[in-house]
Amino acid sequence: MLDTPREHTEPSFSGPVPPIQVPAAPWASNTKVDSLKAKDIPEFTGKRNQDVEEWLNKVQLLQNISATSDARMVQLLLAMIAEKTPADAWFYTLEAQETHSWTWKRWKEELL
């Protein structure tokens, strides 16, 4: 027995079309803005065996995932630098008056 073709009809809607619900990333519902903590960030040593670009990429990923502002990243900067390392020595040679106004973008440029 052959199936008879059905006529295609458009569904009818009454009222406004509901908005599309886009599922959030699994971590998004638990993420608070500026929730990144110093303990979450890998320390930067400035030693030859640590690639600064790789470290910055990890830090940038953490910043993006946690929705942390650039201003908060600057606040966390000192905690990112390991004590008694070449990076620590470099950090303390900088003039505080000059670096006080540096943005997170500027800090990243200086680290590179």
C-alpha atoms as a PDB file:
ATOM      1  CA  MET A   1       0.000   0.000   0.000  1.00  0.00           C
ATOM      2  CA  LEU A   2       1.424   3.365  -0.997  1.00  0.00           C
ATOM      3  CA  ASP A   3       1.333   6.337   1.322  1.00  0.00           C
ATOM      4  CA  THR A   4      -0.524   9.250  -0.059  1.00  0.00           C
ATOM      5  CA  PRO A   5       1.402  12.526   0.111  1.00  0.00           C
ATOM      6  CA  ARG A   6       0.199  14.925   2.739  1.00  0.00           C
ATOM      7  CA  GLU A   7      -0.360  18.539   2.099  1.00  0.00           C
ATOM      8  CA  HIS A   8       2.161  20.757   3.891  1.00  0.00           C
ATOM      9  CA  THR A   9       0.567  23.362   6.104  1.00  0.00           C
ATOM     10  CA  GLU A  10       2.283  26.078   8.078  1.00  0.00           C
ATOM     11  CA  PRO A  11       1.611  25.990  11.805  1.00  0.00           C
ATOM     12  CA  SER A  12      -0.492  28.842  13.039  1.00  0.00           C
ATOM     13  CA  PHE A  13       0.583  30.879  16.041  1.00  0.00           C
ATOM     14  CA  SER A  14      -1.516  33.148  18.115  1.00  0.00           C
ATOM     15  CA  GLY A  15       0.238  35.876  20.019  1.00  0.00           C
ATOM     16  CA  PRO A  16       3.891  36.874  20.058  1.00  0.00           C
ATOM     17  CA  VAL A  17       6.601  34.341  19.299  1.00  0.00           C
ATOM     18  CA  PRO A  18       8.455  33.439  22.517  1.00  0.00           C
ATOM     19  CA  PRO A  19      12.136  34.383  22.655  1.00  0.00           C
ATOM     20  CA  ILE A  20      14.701  31.695  21.972  1.00  0.00           C
ATOM     21  CA  GLN A  21      16.262  30.333  25.141  1.00  0.00           C
ATOM     22  CA  VAL A  22      20.018  29.962  24.709  1.00  0.00           C
ATOM     23  CA  PRO A  23      21.587  27.665  27.280  1.00  0.00           C
ATOM     24  CA  ALA A  24      24.339  29.273  29.298  1.00  0.00           C
ATOM     25  CA  ALA A  25      27.783  27.770  29.660  1.00  0.00           C
ATOM     26  CA  PRO A  26      27.910  25.417  32.663  1.00  0.00           C
ATOM     27  CA  TRP A  27      30.082  27.793  34.675  1.00  0.00           C
ATOM     28  CA  ALA A  28      28.184  30.966  33.782  1.00  0.00           C
ATOM     29  CA  SER A  29      25.400  30.620  36.330  1.00  0.00           C
ATOM     30  CA  ASN A  30      27.881  30.280  39.182  1.00  0.00           C
ATOM     31  CA  THR A  31      30.203  33.052  38.042  1.00  0.00           C
ATOM     32  CA  LYS A  32      30.159  36.396  39.775  1.00  0.00           C
ATOM     33  CA  VAL A  33      31.745  39.428  38.181  1.00  0.00           C
ATOM     34  CA  ASP A  34      35.252  40.044  39.526  1.00  0.00           C
ATOM     35  CA  SER A  35      35.210  36.692  41.323  1.00  0.00           C
ATOM     36  CA  LEU A  36      38.823  35.820  40.478  1.00  0.00           C
ATOM     37  CA  LYS A  37      40.997  35.385  43.559  1.00  0.00           C
ATOM     38  CA  ALA A  38      44.774  35.600  43.856  1.00  0.00           C
ATOM     39  CA  LYS A  39      44.988  31.910  44.786  1.00  0.00           C
ATOM     40  CA  ASP A  40      43.362  31.017  41.433  1.00  0.00           C
ATOM     41  CA  ILE A  41      46.140  32.609  39.374  1.00  0.00           C
ATOM     42  CA  PRO A  42      49.406  30.814  38.602  1.00  0.00           C
ATOM     43  CA  GLU A  43      52.401  32.794  39.852  1.00  0.00           C
ATOM     44  CA  PHE A  44      54.765  34.451  37.423  1.00  0.00           C
ATOM     45  CA  THR A  45      58.457  34.061  38.207  1.00  0.00           C
ATOM     46  CA  GLY A  46      60.155  35.643  35.224  1.00  0.00           C
ATOM     47  CA  LYS A  47      62.610  32.729  35.136  1.00  0.00           C
ATOM     48  CA  ARG A  48      63.870  31.473  31.786  1.00  0.00           C
ATOM     49  CA  ASN A  49      61.898  28.235  32.056  1.00  0.00           C
ATOM     50  CA  GLN A  50      58.577  30.106  32.286  1.00  0.00           C
ATOM     51  CA  ASP A  51      57.114  31.426  29.043  1.00  0.00           C
ATOM     52  CA  VAL A  52      55.535  34.817  29.740  1.00  0.00           C
ATOM     53  CA  GLU A  53      53.165  34.570  26.757  1.00  0.00           C
ATOM     54  CA  GLU A  54      51.916  31.162  27.890  1.00  0.00           C
ATOM     55  CA  TRP A  55      51.446  32.499  31.419  1.00  0.00           C
ATOM     56  CA  LEU A  56      49.574  35.571  30.166  1.00  0.00           C
ATOM     57  CA  ASN A  57      47.320  33.359  28.020  1.00  0.00           C
ATOM     58  CA  LYS A  58      46.404  31.285  31.096  1.00  0.00           C
ATOM     59  CA  VAL A  59      45.743  34.434  33.115  1.00  0.00           C
ATOM     60  CA  GLN A  60      43.644  35.902  30.280  1.00  0.00           C
ATOM     61  CA  LEU A  61      41.580  32.715  30.098  1.00  0.00           C
ATOM     62  CA  LEU A  62      40.959  32.842  33.853  1.00  0.00           C
ATOM     63  CA  GLN A  63      39.988  36.506  33.552  1.00  0.00           C
ATOM     64  CA  ASN A  64      37.509  35.765  30.773  1.00  0.00           C
ATOM     65  CA  ILE A  65      35.950  32.748  32.503  1.00  0.00           C
ATOM     66  CA  SER A  66      35.534  34.598  35.784  1.00  0.00           C
ATOM     67  CA  ALA A  67      34.308  37.837  34.169  1.00  0.00           C
ATOM     68  CA  THR A  68      36.985  39.746  36.066  1.00  0.00           C
ATOM     69  CA  SER A  69      37.460  43.398  35.145  1.00  0.00           C
ATOM     70  CA  ASP A  70      40.774  44.850  34.042  1.00  0.00           C
ATOM     71  CA  ALA A  71      40.772  47.053  37.149  1.00  0.00           C
ATOM     72  CA  ARG A  72      40.547  43.958  39.371  1.00  0.00           C
ATOM     73  CA  MET A  73      43.382  42.305  37.412  1.00  0.00           C
ATOM     74  CA  VAL A  74      45.617  45.280  38.241  1.00  0.00           C
ATOM     75  CA  GLN A  75      44.678  44.879  41.919  1.00  0.00           C
ATOM     76  CA  LEU A  76      45.656  41.197  41.765  1.00  0.00           C
ATOM     77  CA  LEU A  77      48.943  41.861  39.981  1.00  0.00           C
ATOM     78  CA  LEU A  78      51.194  41.781  43.032  1.00  0.00           C
ATOM     79  CA  ALA A  79      49.753  38.403  44.038  1.00  0.00           C
ATOM     80  CA  MET A  80      50.541  37.059  40.557  1.00  0.00           C
ATOM     81  CA  ILE A  81      54.271  37.727  40.921  1.00  0.00           C
ATOM     82  CA  ALA A  82      56.209  35.115  42.874  1.00  0.00           C
ATOM     83  CA  GLU A  83      58.348  36.509  45.702  1.00  0.00           C
ATOM     84  CA  LYS A  84      62.149  36.537  45.449  1.00  0.00           C
ATOM     85  CA  THR A  85      62.172  35.865  41.712  1.00  0.00           C
ATOM     86  CA  PRO A  86      63.413  37.854  38.708  1.00  0.00           C
ATOM     87  CA  ALA A  87      59.837  39.076  38.118  1.00  0.00           C
ATOM     88  CA  ASP A  88      59.633  40.282  41.718  1.00  0.00           C
ATOM     89  CA  ALA A  89      62.951  42.129  41.407  1.00  0.00           C
ATOM     90  CA  TRP A  90      61.804  43.760  38.154  1.00  0.00           C
ATOM     91  CA  PHE A  91      58.473  44.780  39.684  1.00  0.00           C
ATOM     92  CA  TYR A  92      60.177  46.612  42.558  1.00  0.00           C
ATOM     93  CA  THR A  93      62.485  48.556  40.231  1.00  0.00           C
ATOM     94  CA  LEU A  94      59.478  50.298  38.698  1.00  0.00           C
ATOM     95  CA  GLU A  95      58.489  53.752  39.855  1.00  0.00           C
ATOM     96  CA  ALA A  96      55.219  53.580  41.796  1.00  0.00           C
ATOM     97  CA  GLN A  97      54.141  57.043  40.636  1.00  0.00           C
ATOM     98  CA  GLU A  98      54.529  56.007  37.007  1.00  0.00           C
ATOM     99  CA  THR A  99      52.873  52.589  37.276  1.00  0.00           C
ATOM    100  CA  HIS A 100      49.992  53.770  39.471  1.00  0.00           C
ATOM    101  CA  SER A 101      47.967  54.745  36.410  1.00  0.00           C
ATOM    102  CA  TRP A 102      48.870  51.728  34.260  1.00  0.00           C
ATOM    103  CA  THR A 103      45.973  49.700  32.918  1.00  0.00           C
ATOM    104  CA  TRP A 104      45.917  45.906  32.737  1.00  0.00           C
ATOM    105  CA  LYS A 105      46.631  46.234  29.001  1.00  0.00           C
ATOM    106  CA  ARG A 106      49.738  48.322  29.746  1.00  0.00           C
ATOM    107  CA  TRP A 107      50.954  45.827  32.383  1.00  0.00           C
ATOM    108  CA  LYS A 108      50.629  42.983  29.872  1.00  0.00           C
ATOM    109  CA  GLU A 109      52.594  44.977  27.290  1.00  0.00           C
ATOM    110  CA  GLU A 110      55.354  45.700  29.814  1.00  0.00           C
ATOM    111  CA  LEU A 111      55.586  42.040  30.816  1.00  0.00           C
ATOM    112  CA  LEU A 112      56.144  41.050  27.202  1.00  0.00           C
END
